[in-house]
């Protein structure tokens, strides 16, 4: 009877061991997911938010559609951008449509 209890105890320990290893594997999977997907995404969001908060009049910007222009007016969530040599081509657009900024003094 003592041999039977030893094997049952071994089976119970093996059961908890497999659950523990499964928990560790899921933890490592979540850690890898966070490190390779969530962390770079949050860094990019911070970079874009900083870029948009530092907009100034006269900055040269590239929009998400690939047009280059100069900022001539800024409000809370929109900007007015002047495109090309024609001074009458002024288009208001959302700040989120700006992909890249080159400062006027650089």
PDB file of N, CA and C in Angstrom:
ATOM      1  N   UNK A   1       0.813  -1.178   0.000  1.00  0.00           N
ATOM      2  CA  UNK A   1       0.000   0.000   0.000  1.00  0.00           C
ATOM      3  C   UNK A   1       0.869   1.259   0.000  1.00  0.00           C
ATOM      4  N   UNK A   2       2.024   1.212   0.654  1.00  0.00           N
ATOM      5  CA  UNK A   2       2.915   2.357   0.705  1.00  0.00           C
ATOM      6  C   UNK A   2       3.454   2.685  -0.677  1.00  0.00           C
ATOM      7  N   UNK A   3       3.687   1.673  -1.507  1.00  0.00           N
ATOM      8  CA  UNK A   3       4.172   1.909  -2.866  1.00  0.00           C
ATOM      9  C   UNK A   3       3.108   2.607  -3.699  1.00  0.00           C
ATOM     10  N   UNK A   4       1.863   2.311  -3.453  1.00  0.00           N
ATOM     11  CA  UNK A   4       0.762   2.934  -4.182  1.00  0.00           C
ATOM     12  C   UNK A   4       0.664   4.418  -3.836  1.00  0.00           C
ATOM     13  N   UNK A   5       0.837   4.771  -2.591  1.00  0.00           N
ATOM     14  CA  UNK A   5       0.783   6.175  -2.190  1.00  0.00           C
ATOM     15  C   UNK A   5       1.950   6.950  -2.783  1.00  0.00           C
ATOM     16  N   UNK A   6       3.102   6.327  -2.873  1.00  0.00           N
ATOM     17  CA  UNK A   6       4.257   7.002  -3.452  1.00  0.00           C
ATOM     18  C   UNK A   6       4.005   7.333  -4.915  1.00  0.00           C
ATOM     19  N   UNK A   7       3.423   6.427  -5.648  1.00  0.00           N
ATOM     20  CA  UNK A   7       3.170   6.699  -7.058  1.00  0.00           C
ATOM     21  C   UNK A   7       2.055   7.748  -7.221  1.00  0.00           C
ATOM     22  N   UNK A   8       1.055   7.753  -6.334  1.00  0.00           N
ATOM     23  CA  UNK A   8       0.019   8.784  -6.400  1.00  0.00           C
ATOM     24  C   UNK A   8       0.606  10.146  -6.073  1.00  0.00           C
ATOM     25  N   UNK A   9       1.499  10.200  -5.117  1.00  0.00           N
ATOM     26  CA  UNK A   9       2.147  11.462  -4.769  1.00  0.00           C
ATOM     27  C   UNK A   9       3.000  11.957  -5.931  1.00  0.00           C
ATOM     28  N   UNK A  10       3.681  11.009  -6.594  1.00  0.00           N
ATOM     29  CA  UNK A  10       4.474  11.390  -7.767  1.00  0.00           C
ATOM     30  C   UNK A  10       3.578  11.922  -8.880  1.00  0.00           C
ATOM     31  N   UNK A  11       2.418  11.303  -9.066  1.00  0.00           N
ATOM     32  CA  UNK A  11       1.496  11.750 -10.106  1.00  0.00           C
ATOM     33  C   UNK A  11       0.940  13.132  -9.782  1.00  0.00           C
ATOM     34  N   UNK A  12       0.649  13.389  -8.530  1.00  0.00           N
ATOM     35  CA  UNK A  12       0.140  14.703  -8.128  1.00  0.00           C
ATOM     36  C   UNK A  12       1.208  15.768  -8.326  1.00  0.00           C
ATOM     37  N   UNK A  13       2.437  15.430  -7.971  1.00  0.00           N
ATOM     38  CA  UNK A  13       3.536  16.382  -8.159  1.00  0.00           C
ATOM     39  C   UNK A  13       3.768  16.646  -9.636  1.00  0.00           C
ATOM     40  N   UNK A  14       3.647  15.624 -10.455  1.00  0.00           N
ATOM     41  CA  UNK A  14       3.826  15.800 -11.894  1.00  0.00           C
ATOM     42  C   UNK A  14       2.712  16.668 -12.469  1.00  0.00           C
ATOM     43  N   UNK A  15       1.511  16.542 -11.968  1.00  0.00           N
ATOM     44  CA  UNK A  15       0.392  17.368 -12.425  1.00  0.00           C
ATOM     45  C   UNK A  15       0.625  18.838 -12.126  1.00  0.00           C
ATOM     46  N   UNK A  16       1.066  19.126 -10.910  1.00  0.00           N
ATOM     47  CA  UNK A  16       1.357  20.518 -10.556  1.00  0.00           C
ATOM     48  C   UNK A  16       2.566  21.030 -11.323  1.00  0.00           C
ATOM     49  N   UNK A  17       3.480  20.189 -11.626  1.00  0.00           N
ATOM     50  CA  UNK A  17       4.657  20.596 -12.399  1.00  0.00           C
ATOM     51  C   UNK A  17       4.280  21.000 -13.815  1.00  0.00           C
ATOM     52  N   UNK A  18       3.359  20.273 -14.425  1.00  0.00           N
ATOM     53  CA  UNK A  18       2.953  20.631 -15.784  1.00  0.00           C
ATOM     54  C   UNK A  18       2.139  21.918 -15.795  1.00  0.00           C
ATOM     55  N   UNK A  19       1.315  22.144 -14.777  1.00  0.00           N
ATOM     56  CA  UNK A  19       0.558  23.401 -14.691  1.00  0.00           C
ATOM     57  C   UNK A  19       1.511  24.569 -14.462  1.00  0.00           C
ATOM     58  N   UNK A  20       2.488  24.361 -13.609  1.00  0.00           N
ATOM     59  CA  UNK A  20       3.478  25.417 -13.346  1.00  0.00           C
ATOM     60  C   UNK A  20       4.277  25.771 -14.589  1.00  0.00           C
ATOM     61  N   UNK A  21       4.678  24.759 -15.347  1.00  0.00           N
ATOM     62  CA  UNK A  21       5.441  25.050 -16.560  1.00  0.00           C
ATOM     63  C   UNK A  21       4.564  25.741 -17.608  1.00  0.00           C
ATOM     64  N   UNK A  22       3.271  25.400 -17.632  1.00  0.00           N
ATOM     65  CA  UNK A  22       2.363  26.063 -18.564  1.00  0.00           C
ATOM     66  C   UNK A  22       2.182  27.536 -18.181  1.00  0.00           C
ATOM     67  N   UNK A  23       2.088  27.820 -16.900  1.00  0.00           N
ATOM     68  CA  UNK A  23       1.968  29.206 -16.438  1.00  0.00           C
ATOM     69  C   UNK A  23       3.224  29.984 -16.789  1.00  0.00           C
ATOM     70  N   UNK A  24       4.370  29.380 -16.613  1.00  0.00           N
ATOM     71  CA  UNK A  24       5.633  30.042 -16.962  1.00  0.00           C
ATOM     72  C   UNK A  24       5.707  30.311 -18.464  1.00  0.00           C
ATOM     73  N   UNK A  25       5.268  29.368 -19.277  1.00  0.00           N
ATOM     74  CA  UNK A  25       5.292  29.557 -20.735  1.00  0.00           C
ATOM     75  C   UNK A  25       4.360  30.691 -21.157  1.00  0.00           C
ATOM     76  N   UNK A  26       3.153  30.753 -20.577  1.00  0.00           N
ATOM     77  CA  UNK A  26       2.237  31.851 -20.898  1.00  0.00           C
ATOM     78  C   UNK A  26       2.809  33.186 -20.430  1.00  0.00           C
ATOM     79  N   UNK A  27       3.471  33.187 -19.285  1.00  0.00           N
ATOM     80  CA  UNK A  27       4.115  34.413 -18.807  1.00  0.00           C
ATOM     81  C   UNK A  27       5.209  34.882 -19.750  1.00  0.00           C
ATOM     82  N   UNK A  28       6.020  33.962 -20.219  1.00  0.00           N
ATOM     83  CA  UNK A  28       7.069  34.324 -21.167  1.00  0.00           C
ATOM     84  C   UNK A  28       6.491  34.799 -22.494  1.00  0.00           C
ATOM     85  N   UNK A  29       5.408  34.184 -22.929  1.00  0.00           N
ATOM     86  CA  UNK A  29       4.743  34.597 -24.163  1.00  0.00           C
ATOM     87  C   UNK A  29       4.195  36.015 -24.025  1.00  0.00           C
ATOM     88  N   UNK A  30       3.557  36.329 -22.899  1.00  0.00           N
ATOM     89  CA  UNK A  30       3.050  37.681 -22.671  1.00  0.00           C
ATOM     90  C   UNK A  30       4.192  38.683 -22.604  1.00  0.00           C
ATOM     91  N   UNK A  31       5.284  38.336 -21.958  1.00  0.00           N
ATOM     92  CA  UNK A  31       6.435  39.220 -21.856  1.00  0.00           C
ATOM     93  C   UNK A  31       7.023  39.520 -23.234  1.00  0.00           C
ATOM     94  N   UNK A  32       7.147  38.501 -24.065  1.00  0.00           N
ATOM     95  CA  UNK A  32       7.655  38.711 -25.427  1.00  0.00           C
ATOM     96  C   UNK A  32       6.683  39.575 -26.232  1.00  0.00           C
ATOM     97  N   UNK A  33       5.378  39.348 -26.097  1.00  0.00           N
ATOM     98  CA  UNK A  33       4.373  40.154 -26.782  1.00  0.00           C
ATOM     99  C   UNK A  33       4.488  41.619 -26.368  1.00  0.00           C
ATOM    100  N   UNK A  34       4.640  41.870 -25.076  1.00  0.00           N
ATOM    101  CA  UNK A  34       4.760  43.236 -24.593  1.00  0.00           C
ATOM    102  C   UNK A  34       6.039  43.877 -25.114  1.00  0.00           C
ATOM    103  N   UNK A  35       7.145  43.147 -25.070  1.00  0.00           N
ATOM    104  CA  UNK A  35       8.436  43.720 -25.446  1.00  0.00           C
ATOM    105  C   UNK A  35       8.514  44.029 -26.933  1.00  0.00           C
ATOM    106  N   UNK A  36       7.942  43.183 -27.790  1.00  0.00           N
ATOM    107  CA  UNK A  36       8.081  43.374 -29.226  1.00  0.00           C
ATOM    108  C   UNK A  36       6.932  44.140 -29.873  1.00  0.00           C
ATOM    109  N   UNK A  37       5.768  44.240 -29.232  1.00  0.00           N
ATOM    110  CA  UNK A  37       4.624  44.891 -29.869  1.00  0.00           C
ATOM    111  C   UNK A  37       4.139  46.098 -29.073  1.00  0.00           C
ATOM    112  N   UNK A  38       3.816  45.947 -27.818  1.00  0.00           N
ATOM    113  CA  UNK A  38       3.210  47.033 -27.053  1.00  0.00           C
ATOM    114  C   UNK A  38       4.197  48.140 -26.707  1.00  0.00           C
ATOM    115  N   UNK A  39       5.405  47.814 -26.317  1.00  0.00           N
ATOM    116  CA  UNK A  39       6.389  48.809 -25.915  1.00  0.00           C
ATOM    117  C   UNK A  39       6.798  49.721 -27.069  1.00  0.00           C
ATOM    118  N   UNK A  40       7.157  49.193 -28.263  1.00  0.00           N
ATOM    119  CA  UNK A  40       7.492  50.105 -29.368  1.00  0.00           C
ATOM    120  C   UNK A  40       6.311  50.964 -29.808  1.00  0.00           C
ATOM    121  N   UNK A  41       5.103  50.426 -29.741  1.00  0.00           N
ATOM    122  CA  UNK A  41       3.929  51.195 -30.124  1.00  0.00           C
ATOM    123  C   UNK A  41       3.724  52.381 -29.182  1.00  0.00           C
ATOM    124  N   UNK A  42       3.910  52.187 -27.896  1.00  0.00           N
ATOM    125  CA  UNK A  42       3.740  53.291 -26.952  1.00  0.00           C
ATOM    126  C   UNK A  42       4.851  54.325 -27.117  1.00  0.00           C
ATOM    127  N   UNK A  43       6.064  53.891 -27.439  1.00  0.00           N
ATOM    128  CA  UNK A  43       7.151  54.842 -27.696  1.00  0.00           C
ATOM    129  C   UNK A  43       6.856  55.692 -28.924  1.00  0.00           C
ATOM    130  N   UNK A  44       6.315  55.082 -29.969  1.00  0.00           N
ATOM    131  CA  UNK A  44       5.974  55.813 -31.192  1.00  0.00           C
ATOM    132  C   UNK A  44       4.857  56.813 -30.931  1.00  0.00           C
ATOM    133  N   UNK A  45       3.872  56.450 -30.143  1.00  0.00           N
ATOM    134  CA  UNK A  45       2.793  57.374 -29.801  1.00  0.00           C
ATOM    135  C   UNK A  45       3.330  58.580 -29.042  1.00  0.00           C
ATOM    136  N   UNK A  46       4.265  58.363 -28.116  1.00  0.00           N
ATOM    137  CA  UNK A  46       4.861  59.471 -27.366  1.00  0.00           C
ATOM    138  C   UNK A  46       5.653  60.378 -28.297  1.00  0.00           C
ATOM    139  N   UNK A  47       6.384  59.795 -29.260  1.00  0.00           N
ATOM    140  CA  UNK A  47       7.182  60.588 -30.191  1.00  0.00           C
ATOM    141  C   UNK A  47       6.286  61.458 -31.061  1.00  0.00           C
ATOM    142  N   UNK A  48       5.194  60.904 -31.563  1.00  0.00           N
ATOM    143  CA  UNK A  48       4.271  61.655 -32.415  1.00  0.00           C
ATOM    144  C   UNK A  48       3.584  62.762 -31.601  1.00  0.00           C
ATOM    145  N   UNK A  49       3.180  62.465 -30.371  1.00  0.00           N
ATOM    146  CA  UNK A  49       2.532  63.471 -29.527  1.00  0.00           C
ATOM    147  C   UNK A  49       3.483  64.625 -29.236  1.00  0.00           C
ATOM    148  N   UNK A  50       4.753  64.325 -28.987  1.00  0.00           N
ATOM    149  CA  UNK A  50       5.748  65.367 -28.752  1.00  0.00           C
ATOM    150  C   UNK A  50       5.956  66.198 -30.009  1.00  0.00           C
ATOM    151  N   UNK A  51       6.048  65.544 -31.162  1.00  0.00           N
ATOM    152  CA  UNK A  51       6.245  66.241 -32.430  1.00  0.00           C
ATOM    153  C   UNK A  51       5.084  67.198 -32.697  1.00  0.00           C
ATOM    154  N   UNK A  52       3.848  66.740 -32.485  1.00  0.00           N
ATOM    155  CA  UNK A  52       2.693  67.584 -32.763  1.00  0.00           C
ATOM    156  C   UNK A  52       2.535  68.709 -31.749  1.00  0.00           C
ATOM    157  N   UNK A  53       2.978  68.515 -30.522  1.00  0.00           N
ATOM    158  CA  UNK A  53       2.868  69.578 -29.524  1.00  0.00           C
ATOM    159  C   UNK A  53       3.917  70.663 -29.744  1.00  0.00           C
ATOM    160  N   UNK A  54       5.000  70.356 -30.464  1.00  0.00           N
ATOM    161  CA  UNK A  54       6.060  71.328 -30.708  1.00  0.00           C
ATOM    162  C   UNK A  54       5.941  72.022 -32.062  1.00  0.00           C
ATOM    163  N   UNK A  55       4.776  71.937 -32.714  1.00  0.00           N
ATOM    164  CA  UNK A  55       4.589  72.610 -34.000  1.00  0.00           C
ATOM    165  C   UNK A  55       4.625  74.119 -33.818  1.00  0.00           C
ATOM    166  N   UNK A  56       5.240  74.803 -34.787  1.00  0.00           N
ATOM    167  CA  UNK A  56       5.307  76.260 -34.760  1.00  0.00           C
ATOM    168  C   UNK A  56       4.988  76.799 -36.143  1.00  0.00           C
ATOM    169  N   UNK A  57       4.636  78.072 -36.199  1.00  0.00           N
ATOM    170  CA  UNK A  57       4.398  78.713 -37.483  1.00  0.00           C
ATOM    171  C   UNK A  57       5.678  78.725 -38.302  1.00  0.00           C
ATOM    172  N   UNK A  58       5.575  78.434 -39.578  1.00  0.00           N
ATOM    173  CA  UNK A  58       6.726  78.437 -40.459  1.00  0.00           C
ATOM    174  C   UNK A  58       7.423  77.101 -40.590  1.00  0.00           C
ATOM    175  N   UNK A  59       7.012  76.119 -39.819  1.00  0.00           N
ATOM    176  CA  UNK A  59       7.617  74.791 -39.924  1.00  0.00           C
ATOM    177  C   UNK A  59       7.218  74.143 -41.248  1.00  0.00           C
ATOM    178  N   UNK A  60       8.165  73.441 -41.860  1.00  0.00           N
ATOM    179  CA  UNK A  60       7.886  72.682 -43.070  1.00  0.00           C
ATOM    180  C   UNK A  60       7.444  71.283 -42.637  1.00  0.00           C
ATOM    181  N   UNK A  61       6.289  70.853 -43.127  1.00  0.00           N
ATOM    182  CA  UNK A  61       5.742  69.568 -42.716  1.00  0.00           C
ATOM    183  C   UNK A  61       5.468  68.694 -43.926  1.00  0.00           C
ATOM    184  N   UNK A  62       5.480  67.394 -43.699  1.00  0.00           N
ATOM    185  CA  UNK A  62       5.037  66.445 -44.706  1.00  0.00           C
ATOM    186  C   UNK A  62       3.780  65.785 -44.155  1.00  0.00           C
ATOM    187  N   UNK A  63       2.731  65.744 -44.966  1.00  0.00           N
ATOM    188  CA  UNK A  63       1.487  65.129 -44.527  1.00  0.00           C
ATOM    189  C   UNK A  63       1.564  63.619 -44.744  1.00  0.00           C
ATOM    190  N   UNK A  64       0.581  62.925 -44.208  1.00  0.00           N
ATOM    191  CA  UNK A  64       0.549  61.475 -44.364  1.00  0.00           C
ATOM    192  C   UNK A  64       0.314  61.068 -45.812  1.00  0.00           C
ATOM    193  N   UNK A  65      -0.227  61.979 -46.630  1.00  0.00           N
ATOM    194  CA  UNK A  65      -0.430  61.675 -48.046  1.00  0.00           C
ATOM    195  C   UNK A  65       0.786  62.027 -48.890  1.00  0.00           C
ATOM    196  N   UNK A  66       1.837  62.613 -48.285  1.00  0.00           N
ATOM    197  CA  UNK A  66       3.083  62.869 -48.987  1.00  0.00           C
ATOM    198  C   UNK A  66       3.262  64.278 -49.496  1.00  0.00           C
ATOM    199  N   UNK A  67       2.364  65.200 -49.174  1.00  0.00           N
ATOM    200  CA  UNK A  67       2.501  66.590 -49.609  1.00  0.00           C
ATOM    201  C   UNK A  67       3.356  67.364 -48.620  1.00  0.00           C
ATOM    202  N   UNK A  68       4.220  68.240 -49.151  1.00  0.00           N
ATOM    203  CA  UNK A  68       5.037  69.115 -48.325  1.00  0.00           C
ATOM    204  C   UNK A  68       4.423  70.500 -48.307  1.00  0.00           C
ATOM    205  N   UNK A  69       4.446  71.159 -47.158  1.00  0.00           N
ATOM    206  CA  UNK A  69       3.900  72.500 -47.052  1.00  0.00           C
ATOM    207  C   UNK A  69       4.439  73.218 -45.829  1.00  0.00           C
ATOM    208  N   UNK A  70       4.042  74.482 -45.703  1.00  0.00           N
ATOM    209  CA  UNK A  70       4.473  75.334 -44.600  1.00  0.00           C
ATOM    210  C   UNK A  70       3.265  75.643 -43.729  1.00  0.00           C
ATOM    211  N   UNK A  71       3.434  75.557 -42.416  1.00  0.00           N
ATOM    212  CA  UNK A  71       2.346  75.871 -41.481  1.00  0.00           C
ATOM    213  C   UNK A  71       2.191  77.381 -41.405  1.00  0.00           C
ATOM    214  N   UNK A  72       0.966  77.858 -41.640  1.00  0.00           N
ATOM    215  CA  UNK A  72       0.716  79.301 -41.536  1.00  0.00           C
ATOM    216  C   UNK A  72      -0.243  79.644 -40.407  1.00  0.00           C
ATOM    217  N   UNK A  73      -0.944  78.659 -39.843  1.00  0.00           N
ATOM    218  CA  UNK A  73      -1.836  78.912 -38.708  1.00  0.00           C
ATOM    219  C   UNK A  73      -2.035  77.610 -37.937  1.00  0.00           C
ATOM    220  N   UNK A  74      -2.112  77.721 -36.615  1.00  0.00           N
ATOM    221  CA  UNK A  74      -2.291  76.556 -35.743  1.00  0.00           C
ATOM    222  C   UNK A  74      -3.420  76.845 -34.772  1.00  0.00           C
ATOM    223  N   UNK A  75      -4.355  75.891 -34.643  1.00  0.00           N
ATOM    224  CA  UNK A  75      -5.366  75.941 -33.586  1.00  0.00           C
ATOM    225  C   UNK A  75      -5.179  74.699 -32.720  1.00  0.00           C
ATOM    226  N   UNK A  76      -6.153  74.404 -31.869  1.00  0.00           N
ATOM    227  CA  UNK A  76      -5.999  73.283 -30.941  1.00  0.00           C
ATOM    228  C   UNK A  76      -5.806  71.952 -31.650  1.00  0.00           C
ATOM    229  N   UNK A  77      -6.659  71.650 -32.631  1.00  0.00           N
ATOM    230  CA  UNK A  77      -6.562  70.342 -33.272  1.00  0.00           C
ATOM    231  C   UNK A  77      -6.425  70.409 -34.788  1.00  0.00           C
ATOM    232  N   UNK A  78      -6.340  71.610 -35.348  1.00  0.00           N
ATOM    233  CA  UNK A  78      -6.158  71.748 -36.796  1.00  0.00           C
ATOM    234  C   UNK A  78      -5.010  72.697 -37.109  1.00  0.00           C
ATOM    235  N   UNK A  79      -4.494  72.576 -38.310  1.00  0.00           N
ATOM    236  CA  UNK A  79      -3.470  73.489 -38.817  1.00  0.00           C
ATOM    237  C   UNK A  79      -3.870  73.903 -40.231  1.00  0.00           C
ATOM    238  N   UNK A  80      -3.412  75.076 -40.644  1.00  0.00           N
ATOM    239  CA  UNK A  80      -3.597  75.499 -42.023  1.00  0.00           C
ATOM    240  C   UNK A  80      -2.222  75.465 -42.673  1.00  0.00           C
ATOM    241  N   UNK A  81      -2.130  74.713 -43.762  1.00  0.00           N
ATOM    242  CA  UNK A  81      -0.845  74.496 -44.435  1.00  0.00           C
ATOM    243  C   UNK A  81      -0.909  75.107 -45.824  1.00  0.00           C
ATOM    244  N   UNK A  82       0.164  75.803 -46.187  1.00  0.00           N
ATOM    245  CA  UNK A  82       0.281  76.412 -47.504  1.00  0.00           C
ATOM    246  C   UNK A  82       1.157  75.511 -48.364  1.00  0.00           C
ATOM    247  N   UNK A  83       0.627  75.096 -49.511  1.00  0.00           N
ATOM    248  CA  UNK A  83       1.319  74.152 -50.387  1.00  0.00           C
ATOM    249  C   UNK A  83       1.845  74.854 -51.629  1.00  0.00           C
ATOM    250  N   UNK A  84       3.041  74.474 -52.062  1.00  0.00           N
ATOM    251  CA  UNK A  84       3.599  74.920 -53.343  1.00  0.00           C
ATOM    252  C   UNK A  84       3.955  76.392 -53.389  1.00  0.00           C
ATOM    253  N   UNK A  85       4.259  76.865 -54.601  1.00  0.00           N
ATOM    254  CA  UNK A  85       4.641  78.259 -54.813  1.00  0.00           C
ATOM    255  C   UNK A  85       3.430  79.171 -54.877  1.00  0.00           C
ATOM    256  N   UNK A  86       2.272  78.616 -55.155  1.00  0.00           N
ATOM    257  CA  UNK A  86       1.054  79.390 -55.225  1.00  0.00           C
ATOM    258  C   UNK A  86       0.604  79.733 -53.808  1.00  0.00           C
ATOM    259  N   UNK A  87       0.622  81.000 -53.460  1.00  0.00           N
ATOM    260  CA  UNK A  87       0.298  81.415 -52.091  1.00  0.00           C
ATOM    261  C   UNK A  87      -1.192  81.303 -51.782  1.00  0.00           C
ATOM    262  N   UNK A  88      -2.007  80.956 -52.775  1.00  0.00           N
ATOM    263  CA  UNK A  88      -3.442  80.831 -52.546  1.00  0.00           C
ATOM    264  C   UNK A  88      -3.848  79.404 -52.225  1.00  0.00           C
ATOM    265  N   UNK A  89      -2.932  78.475 -52.209  1.00  0.00           N
ATOM    266  CA  UNK A  89      -3.248  77.078 -51.943  1.00  0.00           C
ATOM    267  C   UNK A  89      -3.046  76.797 -50.453  1.00  0.00           C
ATOM    268  N   UNK A  90      -4.070  77.107 -49.672  1.00  0.00           N
ATOM    269  CA  UNK A  90      -4.014  76.919 -48.218  1.00  0.00           C
ATOM    270  C   UNK A  90      -5.107  75.943 -47.831  1.00  0.00           C
ATOM    271  N   UNK A  91      -4.714  74.890 -47.138  1.00  0.00           N
ATOM    272  CA  UNK A  91      -5.663  73.838 -46.806  1.00  0.00           C
ATOM    273  C   UNK A  91      -5.652  73.597 -45.295  1.00  0.00           C
ATOM    274  N   UNK A  92      -6.820  73.687 -44.645  1.00  0.00           N
ATOM    275  CA  UNK A  92      -6.881  73.306 -43.232  1.00  0.00           C
ATOM    276  C   UNK A  92      -6.942  71.787 -43.112  1.00  0.00           C
ATOM    277  N   UNK A  93      -6.216  71.261 -42.156  1.00  0.00           N
ATOM    278  CA  UNK A  93      -6.246  69.810 -41.929  1.00  0.00           C
ATOM    279  C   UNK A  93      -5.996  69.500 -40.466  1.00  0.00           C
ATOM    280  N   UNK A  94      -6.334  68.300 -40.102  1.00  0.00           N
ATOM    281  CA  UNK A  94      -6.166  67.826 -38.740  1.00  0.00           C
ATOM    282  C   UNK A  94      -4.683  67.649 -38.426  1.00  0.00           C
ATOM    283  N   UNK A  95      -4.299  67.897 -37.184  1.00  0.00           N
ATOM    284  CA  UNK A  95      -2.887  67.727 -36.807  1.00  0.00           C
ATOM    285  C   UNK A  95      -2.413  66.290 -36.974  1.00  0.00           C
ATOM    286  N   UNK A  96      -3.317  65.339 -36.848  1.00  0.00           N
ATOM    287  CA  UNK A  96      -2.916  63.941 -36.969  1.00  0.00           C
ATOM    288  C   UNK A  96      -2.527  63.567 -38.394  1.00  0.00           C
ATOM    289  N   UNK A  97      -2.787  64.455 -39.361  1.00  0.00           N
ATOM    290  CA  UNK A  97      -2.404  64.190 -40.753  1.00  0.00           C
ATOM    291  C   UNK A  97      -0.947  64.566 -41.027  1.00  0.00           C
ATOM    292  N   UNK A  98      -0.232  65.048 -40.018  1.00  0.00           N
ATOM    293  CA  UNK A  98       1.176  65.433 -40.191  1.00  0.00           C
ATOM    294  C   UNK A  98       2.060  64.234 -39.846  1.00  0.00           C
ATOM    295  N   UNK A  99       2.923  63.875 -40.783  1.00  0.00           N
ATOM    296  CA  UNK A  99       3.784  62.708 -40.598  1.00  0.00           C
ATOM    297  C   UNK A  99       5.204  63.099 -40.182  1.00  0.00           C
ATOM    298  N   UNK A 100       5.708  64.218 -40.684  1.00  0.00           N
ATOM    299  CA  UNK A 100       7.089  64.613 -40.405  1.00  0.00           C
ATOM    300  C   UNK A 100       7.181  66.128 -40.324  1.00  0.00           C
ATOM    301  N   UNK A 101       8.068  66.636 -39.479  1.00  0.00           N
ATOM    302  CA  UNK A 101       8.222  68.074 -39.298  1.00  0.00           C
ATOM    303  C   UNK A 101       9.703  68.433 -39.433  1.00  0.00           C
ATOM    304  N   UNK A 102       9.962  69.496 -40.196  1.00  0.00           N
ATOM    305  CA  UNK A 102      11.299  70.095 -40.260  1.00  0.00           C
ATOM    306  C   UNK A 102      11.166  71.511 -39.729  1.00  0.00           C
ATOM    307  N   UNK A 103      11.917  71.833 -38.724  1.00  0.00           N
ATOM    308  CA  UNK A 103      11.815  73.147 -38.084  1.00  0.00           C
ATOM    309  C   UNK A 103      12.288  74.242 -39.034  1.00  0.00           C
ATOM    310  N   UNK A 104      11.702  75.428 -38.897  1.00  0.00           N
ATOM    311  CA  UNK A 104      11.995  76.542 -39.778  1.00  0.00           C
ATOM    312  C   UNK A 104      13.426  77.065 -39.582  1.00  0.00           C
ATOM    313  N   UNK A 105      13.951  76.983 -38.369  1.00  0.00           N
ATOM    314  CA  UNK A 105      15.271  77.546 -38.096  1.00  0.00           C
ATOM    315  C   UNK A 105      16.421  76.576 -38.401  1.00  0.00           C
ATOM    316  N   UNK A 106      16.125  75.361 -38.840  1.00  0.00           N
ATOM    317  CA  UNK A 106      17.195  74.395 -39.119  1.00  0.00           C
ATOM    318  C   UNK A 106      17.593  74.424 -40.564  1.00  0.00           C
TER     319      UNK A 106
END
